[in-house]
Amino acid sequence: MQDLNIIRDPNNKTTSVLVNLDLSEYLKIIDKAYSEQGGIEGQRAPLKTQTAKRIRQQMISDFSLGGILPPVVIGVETQELFNEDHLTKESFLKFLEESMNLGNDLVSIIDGMQRTTAMREANINLDGKLDKRAVRVEFWISESTHQHLYRMLVLNTGQVPWSLRRHLEVVFNSLKKDIRKAVPECKLVEIDDNSKRTQAGDYNFSSIIEMFLVLGTRTERVETKEKLTAEFLKLDFIESSSSHELTSIFTKVLGALYKLDTAISSKNLTPLENGKFKKAFNLFSSQPALIGFSVSAAQYILGRPGRKISREDIDTNLEKFSSGYENLTNNILSYNEEQLSEFLSLETLNEVFIGYTSGSNIGDLQRSYFKTAFNVILEENFNIETMNICWRA
C-alpha cells in the first residue's frame, strides 16, 4: 500500500497529500498551530456548547475504541517549489519538519480542530497509549495562505455557519503581511490602538477588512441581514477567491488608493468653512468613499457579480487599473495649490452630498454614490481634468 496519495491542483497551484500518520507524529506537527487555535487567527477554538461537548465526548469514546475519524486538513505554506516526484513518507515528514522550523505560522489547521481536540483528549485519558494509532491527514501545500482561505470557505459553507466577516478575520493576519510587503508606506491603524486616522495613507483596521470584503463580493451592499442574500454574497466571494489571487489584487487596489489619497493631500490647501469634506484628507476618512473606491475597482478588474471573465482579462484589467491611477496621481502631484483645489472640487462634493445624508439606508446610498463617482474616472480612462464630473455623476 502506498504511504502517500498525491493530487496536484494546477489551477490553484496547490498539492494535496493524503497520508497515514501515527497520532504522535500528527500531534507534533500541529502542536504550535493547535495551541494558537489552528494557527489561523479567527479559527474556531474547540466548541464549548453542551451539544458540542456531547459530540466531542462521543468522538473521544469512538476513537479510543478504534473508531476512524475523517481526515483532518492541514495547510502548509511554502515559498519553495514543492516537488512531489519520488516523494516518500520519510521525505515528506522531513519537508514538514523544515517548514515548521522556518516559521510556526506556515502550518495551520484548516479543518479539524474539533477532531484534533478529541484525539488529543483520548490519548491523554489513556496515558499516551494511542501514540502509535494511525490517523488520516490531508495536507494542502501551497504558496500562500490565500489558497487556504479559499478551501476554508468551501469546507465551512453548508456546515456550522461562518459570517463573511469571520472568514476575513481568519486570514487578516496574512492579508496584513501582504499589505505591508506590497504597500510598506501604508499605515494600518489597529482596532486596539484606540486611535484614528491622522494623515493621508493611514487606514483603520476595520476599513481595510471591509474593503477586502467588498472587493471579493463586488458589491457595496454587505450589511444585509437577509440570510439568502448573505449566502449569495458568500458564493460571490468564494467564486472570486477560487479563480485568482484575491489578496494580490487587493494590495494593488490599496496601493492605487494610497497614491491617490496622498496625492490629493500633498498640498496644504485652505480648508472649506462648511461641509463634511472641508479638506482633501476628509475624503478617504469616509468609510463610504473607501468602499465605493474598492467596489468600483472590483467591478472594473473582476467584472460584475455573477459574471465570469478569464484570468488573462483580469490581469489585463488590473494592469490598466494600476497604470491608469499611476498616471492620474502623477498628474495630480504636478498641480499647484490653485490647480489642486480646482481639481478636487470639494465645494461641489459637499453640495451634492447633502442629498445623501438623510433617509433610510443612508450607508448604502453613500457607498453607491461614491462607487458611481469613482466609476467616472474609469469610464473616462483616467483622463479627467476635475472631479466635478465625478461628484455630479
Protein backbone atom coordinates (compact mmCIF):
# COMPACT_ATOMS: atom_id res chain seq x y z
CA MET A 1 0.00 0.00 0.00
CA GLN A 2 1.30 3.44 -0.90
CA ASP A 3 2.21 5.67 2.04
CA LEU A 4 1.12 8.81 0.17
CA ASN A 5 -1.77 9.72 -2.08
CA ILE A 6 -0.91 12.84 -4.09
CA ILE A 7 -3.14 15.01 -6.28
CA ARG A 8 -1.96 18.23 -7.92
CA ASP A 9 -4.36 21.17 -8.44
CA PRO A 10 -2.81 23.08 -11.38
CA ASN A 11 -5.47 25.80 -11.32
CA ASN A 12 -4.65 26.98 -7.82
CA LYS A 13 -1.04 25.76 -7.64
CA THR A 14 -1.79 23.54 -4.68
CA THR A 15 -0.80 19.95 -3.94
CA SER A 16 -2.97 17.66 -1.82
CA VAL A 17 -1.10 14.95 0.06
CA LEU A 18 -3.13 12.34 1.95
CA VAL A 19 -1.05 10.32 4.40
CA ASN A 20 -1.45 7.98 7.36
CA LEU A 21 0.50 9.16 10.40
CA ASP A 22 1.00 7.92 13.91
CA LEU A 23 -1.08 10.08 16.25
CA SER A 24 2.12 11.22 17.98
CA GLU A 25 3.57 12.32 14.62
CA TYR A 26 0.44 14.28 13.78
CA LEU A 27 0.22 15.97 17.19
CA LYS A 28 3.86 17.02 16.97
CA ILE A 29 3.34 18.63 13.56
CA ILE A 30 0.30 20.67 14.62
CA ASP A 31 1.24 21.32 18.27
CA LYS A 32 2.03 25.01 17.80
CA ALA A 33 -0.86 25.64 15.43
CA TYR A 34 -3.30 23.91 17.78
CA SER A 35 -2.17 25.97 20.75
CA GLU A 36 -2.95 29.08 18.68
CA GLN A 37 -6.47 27.94 17.75
CA GLY A 38 -5.46 26.41 14.45
CA GLY A 39 -2.66 28.79 13.61
CA ILE A 40 -5.12 30.96 11.69
CA GLU A 41 -6.50 33.93 13.58
CA GLY A 42 -10.28 33.63 13.93
CA GLN A 43 -10.34 29.84 13.55
CA ARG A 44 -12.89 28.28 15.87
CA ALA A 45 -11.41 27.05 19.12
CA PRO A 46 -12.79 23.77 20.48
CA LEU A 47 -16.52 24.44 20.79
CA LYS A 48 -17.85 24.73 24.32
CA THR A 49 -21.62 24.37 23.92
CA GLN A 50 -23.28 21.41 25.64
CA THR A 51 -24.15 19.87 22.27
CA ALA A 52 -20.57 20.26 21.05
CA LYS A 53 -19.22 18.72 24.25
CA ARG A 54 -21.53 15.72 23.88
CA ILE A 55 -20.46 15.20 20.27
CA ARG A 56 -16.79 15.52 21.21
CA GLN A 57 -17.19 13.02 24.05
CA GLN A 58 -18.70 10.60 21.54
CA MET A 59 -15.73 11.17 19.21
CA ILE A 60 -13.32 10.58 22.11
CA SER A 61 -15.07 7.36 23.01
CA ASP A 62 -15.20 6.13 19.41
CA PHE A 63 -11.57 6.99 18.75
CA SER A 64 -10.43 5.32 21.99
CA LEU A 65 -12.18 2.13 20.90
CA GLY A 66 -10.59 2.09 17.45
CA GLY A 67 -13.06 4.24 15.52
CA ILE A 68 -11.79 6.07 12.43
CA LEU A 69 -12.32 9.81 12.17
CA PRO A 70 -12.46 11.64 8.81
CA PRO A 71 -9.12 13.12 7.73
CA VAL A 72 -8.15 16.45 9.23
CA VAL A 73 -6.91 19.08 6.77
CA ILE A 74 -3.61 20.86 7.39
CA GLY A 75 -2.35 23.82 5.39
CA VAL A 76 1.36 24.24 4.75
CA GLU A 77 2.57 27.47 3.18
CA THR A 78 5.86 27.22 1.35
CA GLN A 79 7.75 29.61 -0.88
CA GLU A 80 9.91 26.77 -2.18
CA LEU A 81 8.89 24.74 -5.22
CA PHE A 82 7.19 21.64 -3.83
CA ASN A 83 8.27 18.64 -5.87
CA GLU A 84 6.08 15.59 -5.38
CA ASP A 85 8.14 13.41 -7.71
CA HIS A 86 9.60 10.39 -5.89
CA LEU A 87 8.14 11.69 -2.62
CA THR A 88 8.13 9.20 0.26
CA LYS A 89 6.59 9.40 3.67
CA GLU A 90 10.04 9.93 5.21
CA SER A 91 11.00 12.75 2.83
CA PHE A 92 7.58 14.35 3.28
CA LEU A 93 7.92 14.33 7.08
CA LYS A 94 11.35 15.91 6.66
CA PHE A 95 9.77 18.64 4.47
CA LEU A 96 7.13 19.28 7.17
CA GLU A 97 9.81 19.50 9.86
CA GLU A 98 11.74 22.04 7.78
CA SER A 99 8.54 24.05 7.24
CA MET A 100 7.92 24.15 10.99
CA ASN A 101 11.48 25.32 11.58
CA LEU A 102 11.06 28.14 9.05
CA GLY A 103 8.09 29.59 10.90
CA ASN A 104 5.26 28.41 13.09
CA ASP A 105 2.71 30.39 11.11
CA LEU A 106 3.41 28.33 7.98
CA VAL A 107 1.49 25.31 9.31
CA SER A 108 -2.21 25.70 10.09
CA ILE A 109 -5.25 23.56 10.86
CA ILE A 110 -7.73 24.36 8.12
CA ASP A 111 -10.39 21.82 9.03
CA GLY A 112 -10.38 19.54 12.06
CA MET A 113 -9.97 21.50 15.30
CA GLN A 114 -12.75 19.52 16.98
CA ARG A 115 -11.41 16.14 15.78
CA THR A 116 -7.90 17.11 16.86
CA THR A 117 -9.20 18.02 20.33
CA ALA A 118 -10.97 14.67 20.58
CA MET A 119 -7.84 12.74 19.54
CA ARG A 120 -5.62 14.66 21.97
CA GLU A 121 -8.01 14.17 24.88
CA ALA A 122 -8.47 10.47 24.09
CA ASN A 123 -4.69 9.96 24.14
CA ILE A 124 -4.30 11.94 27.37
CA ASN A 125 -7.06 9.88 29.00
CA LEU A 126 -5.18 6.69 28.07
CA ASP A 127 -1.76 7.99 29.19
CA GLY A 128 -0.32 8.11 25.68
CA LYS A 129 -1.29 4.58 24.71
CA LEU A 130 -2.67 5.87 21.40
CA ASP A 131 0.66 7.39 20.27
CA LYS A 132 1.06 4.76 17.54
CA ARG A 133 -2.58 4.89 16.49
CA ALA A 134 -2.90 5.58 12.73
CA VAL A 135 -4.76 8.74 11.72
CA ARG A 136 -5.51 10.08 8.26
CA VAL A 137 -4.24 13.58 7.50
CA GLU A 138 -4.61 15.58 4.30
CA PHE A 139 -2.00 18.28 3.73
CA TRP A 140 -2.60 21.16 1.35
CA ILE A 141 0.74 22.53 0.18
CA SER A 142 0.50 25.96 -1.42
CA GLU A 143 2.46 29.16 -1.89
CA SER A 144 0.06 31.39 0.03
CA THR A 145 -2.47 31.40 2.83
CA HIS A 146 -4.95 32.80 0.32
CA GLN A 147 -5.42 29.31 -1.13
CA HIS A 148 -6.06 28.02 2.38
CA LEU A 149 -8.73 30.71 2.78
CA TYR A 150 -10.50 29.51 -0.35
CA ARG A 151 -10.55 25.94 0.92
CA MET A 152 -11.75 27.06 4.35
CA LEU A 153 -14.62 28.92 2.72
CA VAL A 154 -15.63 25.84 0.75
CA LEU A 155 -15.26 23.47 3.69
CA ASN A 156 -17.36 25.62 6.00
CA THR A 157 -20.08 26.60 3.55
CA GLY A 158 -23.11 24.48 4.34
CA GLN A 159 -21.78 23.48 7.77
CA VAL A 160 -21.71 25.49 11.02
CA PRO A 161 -22.28 28.94 9.51
CA TRP A 162 -19.44 31.42 9.49
CA SER A 163 -20.13 35.04 8.66
CA LEU A 164 -18.14 36.64 5.86
CA ARG A 165 -16.52 38.89 8.44
CA ARG A 166 -15.34 35.84 10.37
CA HIS A 167 -13.82 34.39 7.23
CA LEU A 168 -11.92 37.63 6.70
CA GLU A 169 -10.77 37.83 10.30
CA VAL A 170 -9.36 34.34 9.83
CA VAL A 171 -6.98 35.47 7.12
CA PHE A 172 -6.45 39.09 8.07
CA ASN A 173 -3.06 38.42 9.63
CA SER A 174 -1.83 37.10 6.29
CA LEU A 175 -3.56 39.93 4.45
CA LYS A 176 -1.85 42.40 6.75
CA LYS A 177 1.55 40.87 5.94
CA ASP A 178 0.78 41.09 2.23
CA ILE A 179 -0.23 44.76 2.56
CA ARG A 180 2.91 45.70 4.48
CA LYS A 181 5.03 43.94 1.89
CA ALA A 182 3.26 45.45 -1.15
CA VAL A 183 2.49 48.93 0.25
CA PRO A 184 5.02 49.36 3.11
CA GLU A 185 4.36 53.09 3.45
CA CYS A 186 0.68 52.47 4.17
CA LYS A 187 -0.10 52.59 7.91
CA LEU A 188 -2.75 50.25 9.33
CA VAL A 189 -4.39 51.54 12.50
CA GLU A 190 -5.30 48.55 14.68
CA ILE A 191 -8.65 48.32 16.45
CA ASP A 192 -6.97 48.04 19.85
CA ASP A 193 -4.92 51.18 19.25
CA ASN A 194 -7.98 53.33 20.07
CA SER A 195 -6.62 55.86 17.59
CA LYS A 196 -7.94 57.40 14.44
CA ARG A 197 -6.56 58.18 11.01
CA THR A 198 -4.42 61.28 11.39
CA GLN A 199 -2.97 61.71 7.90
CA ALA A 200 -3.34 60.55 4.33
CA GLY A 201 -2.14 56.97 3.96
CA ASP A 202 -3.45 55.87 7.37
CA TYR A 203 -6.37 53.43 7.35
CA ASN A 204 -8.31 51.80 10.15
CA PHE A 205 -8.12 48.03 10.53
CA SER A 206 -11.88 47.63 10.14
CA SER A 207 -11.94 49.77 7.00
CA ILE A 208 -9.37 47.56 5.29
CA ILE A 209 -11.29 44.40 6.20
CA GLU A 210 -14.47 45.82 4.71
CA MET A 211 -12.67 47.00 1.58
CA PHE A 212 -11.35 43.47 1.08
CA LEU A 213 -14.83 42.05 1.65
CA VAL A 214 -16.46 44.24 -0.99
CA LEU A 215 -13.62 43.54 -3.42
CA GLY A 216 -14.39 39.82 -3.13
CA THR A 217 -18.17 40.19 -3.34
CA ARG A 218 -18.00 43.04 -5.89
CA THR A 219 -20.94 44.82 -4.31
CA GLU A 220 -21.20 47.70 -1.86
CA ARG A 221 -24.22 46.22 -0.09
CA VAL A 222 -22.72 43.93 2.53
CA GLU A 223 -24.58 44.85 5.71
CA THR A 224 -27.61 42.72 4.96
CA LYS A 225 -29.36 40.52 7.50
CA GLU A 226 -31.24 38.68 4.80
CA LYS A 227 -29.94 35.12 5.00
CA LEU A 228 -30.41 34.26 1.33
CA THR A 229 -28.63 37.42 0.21
CA ALA A 230 -25.80 36.72 2.64
CA GLU A 231 -25.37 33.26 1.12
CA PHE A 232 -25.16 34.74 -2.38
CA LEU A 233 -22.52 37.18 -1.11
CA LYS A 234 -20.56 34.26 0.29
CA LEU A 235 -20.79 32.42 -3.03
CA ASP A 236 -19.58 35.53 -4.86
CA PHE A 237 -16.62 35.71 -2.50
CA ILE A 238 -15.79 32.03 -2.97
CA GLU A 239 -16.02 32.44 -6.75
CA SER A 240 -13.61 35.38 -6.66
CA SER A 241 -11.22 33.54 -4.34
CA SER A 242 -11.19 30.41 -6.48
CA SER A 243 -10.20 31.98 -9.76
CA HIS A 244 -7.27 34.20 -8.86
CA GLU A 245 -5.06 35.58 -6.11
CA LEU A 246 -7.56 37.94 -4.49
CA THR A 247 -5.12 39.28 -1.89
CA SER A 248 -2.65 40.20 -4.63
CA ILE A 249 -5.35 42.14 -6.47
CA PHE A 250 -6.43 43.82 -3.26
CA THR A 251 -2.93 45.05 -2.40
CA LYS A 252 -2.67 46.63 -5.86
CA VAL A 253 -6.05 48.31 -5.39
CA LEU A 254 -4.98 49.55 -1.97
CA GLY A 255 -1.71 50.77 -3.48
CA ALA A 256 -3.67 52.83 -6.03
CA LEU A 257 -5.87 54.21 -3.25
CA TYR A 258 -2.82 55.14 -1.19
CA LYS A 259 -1.25 57.03 -4.11
CA LEU A 260 -4.48 58.91 -4.82
CA ASP A 261 -5.05 59.67 -1.14
CA THR A 262 -1.54 61.04 -0.59
CA ALA A 263 -1.53 62.92 -3.92
CA ILE A 264 -4.72 64.87 -3.23
CA SER A 265 -3.43 65.68 0.27
CA SER A 266 0.05 66.72 -0.90
CA LYS A 267 -0.67 70.47 -0.77
CA ASN A 268 -1.65 72.48 2.28
CA LEU A 269 -4.93 73.83 0.95
CA THR A 270 -7.08 76.23 2.95
CA PRO A 271 -9.93 74.17 4.48
CA LEU A 272 -13.50 74.98 3.48
CA GLU A 273 -15.65 76.58 6.16
CA ASN A 274 -18.64 74.28 5.74
CA GLY A 275 -19.45 70.74 4.69
CA LYS A 276 -18.38 67.22 5.62
CA PHE A 277 -15.37 67.33 3.30
CA LYS A 278 -13.56 70.51 4.31
CA LYS A 279 -10.16 69.28 3.12
CA ALA A 280 -8.80 66.53 0.90
CA PHE A 281 -7.82 64.40 3.87
CA ASN A 282 -11.52 64.02 4.76
CA LEU A 283 -12.35 62.19 1.53
CA PHE A 284 -10.82 58.83 2.43
CA SER A 285 -11.52 59.30 6.11
CA SER A 286 -15.05 58.49 4.94
CA GLN A 287 -15.88 54.78 5.04
CA PRO A 288 -18.41 55.04 2.19
CA ALA A 289 -15.69 56.61 -0.01
CA LEU A 290 -13.29 53.74 0.75
CA ILE A 291 -15.97 51.17 -0.01
CA GLY A 292 -17.06 52.97 -3.18
CA PHE A 293 -13.46 53.02 -4.41
CA SER A 294 -12.98 49.31 -3.69
CA VAL A 295 -16.24 48.22 -5.37
CA SER A 296 -15.53 50.40 -8.38
CA ALA A 297 -12.10 48.77 -8.69
CA ALA A 298 -13.50 45.26 -8.16
CA GLN A 299 -16.10 45.53 -10.89
CA TYR A 300 -13.57 47.07 -13.29
CA ILE A 301 -10.99 44.33 -12.67
CA LEU A 302 -13.13 41.27 -11.93
CA GLY A 303 -16.42 42.12 -13.61
CA ARG A 304 -19.84 42.50 -12.06
CA PRO A 305 -21.13 39.87 -9.57
CA GLY A 306 -22.08 36.67 -11.35
CA ARG A 307 -20.01 37.44 -14.45
CA LYS A 308 -17.01 35.20 -15.10
CA ILE A 309 -14.05 36.55 -17.04
CA SER A 310 -10.79 34.86 -17.91
CA ARG A 311 -7.64 35.16 -15.82
CA GLU A 312 -5.94 36.82 -18.80
CA ASP A 313 -8.66 39.51 -18.92
CA ILE A 314 -8.37 40.02 -15.17
CA ASP A 315 -4.61 40.51 -15.48
CA THR A 316 -5.14 42.98 -18.33
CA ASN A 317 -7.77 44.92 -16.37
CA LEU A 318 -5.56 45.02 -13.30
CA GLU A 319 -2.62 46.38 -15.31
CA LYS A 320 -4.83 49.08 -16.88
CA PHE A 321 -6.22 49.97 -13.44
CA SER A 322 -2.79 50.25 -11.80
CA SER A 323 -1.14 52.19 -14.62
CA GLY A 324 -4.17 54.43 -15.03
CA TYR A 325 -4.17 55.52 -11.40
CA GLU A 326 -0.38 55.85 -11.52
CA ASN A 327 -0.68 58.38 -14.37
CA LEU A 328 -3.58 60.18 -12.72
CA THR A 329 -1.79 60.61 -9.39
CA ASN A 330 1.39 61.77 -11.14
CA ASN A 331 -0.67 64.48 -12.83
CA ILE A 332 -2.20 65.48 -9.50
CA LEU A 333 1.24 65.77 -7.91
CA SER A 334 2.24 68.25 -10.61
CA TYR A 335 -0.59 70.64 -9.70
CA ASN A 336 -0.04 73.81 -7.73
CA GLU A 337 -2.41 74.66 -4.87
CA GLU A 338 -4.91 76.50 -7.05
CA GLN A 339 -4.99 73.72 -9.65
CA LEU A 340 -5.37 71.03 -6.98
CA SER A 341 -8.24 72.88 -5.34
CA GLU A 342 -9.99 73.19 -8.69
CA PHE A 343 -9.37 69.51 -9.47
CA LEU A 344 -10.83 68.31 -6.15
CA SER A 345 -13.99 70.45 -6.41
CA LEU A 346 -14.80 69.82 -2.75
CA GLU A 347 -17.46 72.53 -2.82
CA THR A 348 -19.37 70.51 -5.40
CA LEU A 349 -18.92 67.29 -3.42
CA ASN A 350 -20.31 68.92 -0.27
CA GLU A 351 -23.20 70.43 -2.17
CA VAL A 352 -24.24 67.15 -3.80
CA PHE A 353 -23.52 65.01 -0.72
CA ILE A 354 -26.21 66.83 1.28
CA GLY A 355 -28.74 64.78 -0.65
CA TYR A 356 -27.21 61.59 0.75
CA THR A 357 -27.28 62.46 4.46
CA SER A 358 -30.88 61.63 5.32
CA GLY A 359 -33.48 58.95 4.73
CA SER A 360 -33.42 55.18 5.08
CA ASN A 361 -30.40 53.07 4.10
CA ILE A 362 -28.08 56.09 4.26
CA GLY A 363 -24.99 53.89 4.30
CA ASP A 364 -25.98 52.02 1.14
CA LEU A 365 -26.83 55.27 -0.62
CA GLN A 366 -23.50 56.87 0.26
CA ARG A 367 -21.50 53.81 -0.80
CA SER A 368 -23.38 53.62 -4.08
CA TYR A 369 -22.80 57.34 -4.64
CA PHE A 370 -19.04 57.05 -4.27
CA LYS A 371 -18.92 53.88 -6.39
CA THR A 372 -20.63 55.79 -9.19
CA ALA A 373 -18.28 58.74 -8.66
CA PHE A 374 -15.13 56.64 -8.94
CA ASN A 375 -16.59 54.76 -11.89
CA VAL A 376 -16.43 58.03 -13.82
CA ILE A 377 -12.63 58.03 -13.53
CA LEU A 378 -12.56 54.55 -15.07
CA GLU A 379 -15.10 55.40 -17.77
CA GLU A 380 -13.02 58.45 -18.73
CA ASN A 381 -9.94 56.23 -18.99
CA PHE A 382 -8.35 58.03 -16.00
CA ASN A 383 -8.20 61.24 -18.04
CA ILE A 384 -10.16 63.81 -16.02
CA GLU A 385 -9.40 67.48 -15.57
CA THR A 386 -11.59 67.85 -12.49
CA MET A 387 -13.51 65.60 -10.13
CA ASN A 388 -16.50 67.86 -10.54
CA ILE A 389 -17.76 65.41 -13.18
CA CYS A 390 -17.41 62.57 -10.67
CA TRP A 391 -19.35 64.28 -7.89
CA ARG A 392 -22.20 65.20 -10.28
CA ALA A 393 -22.46 61.76 -11.93
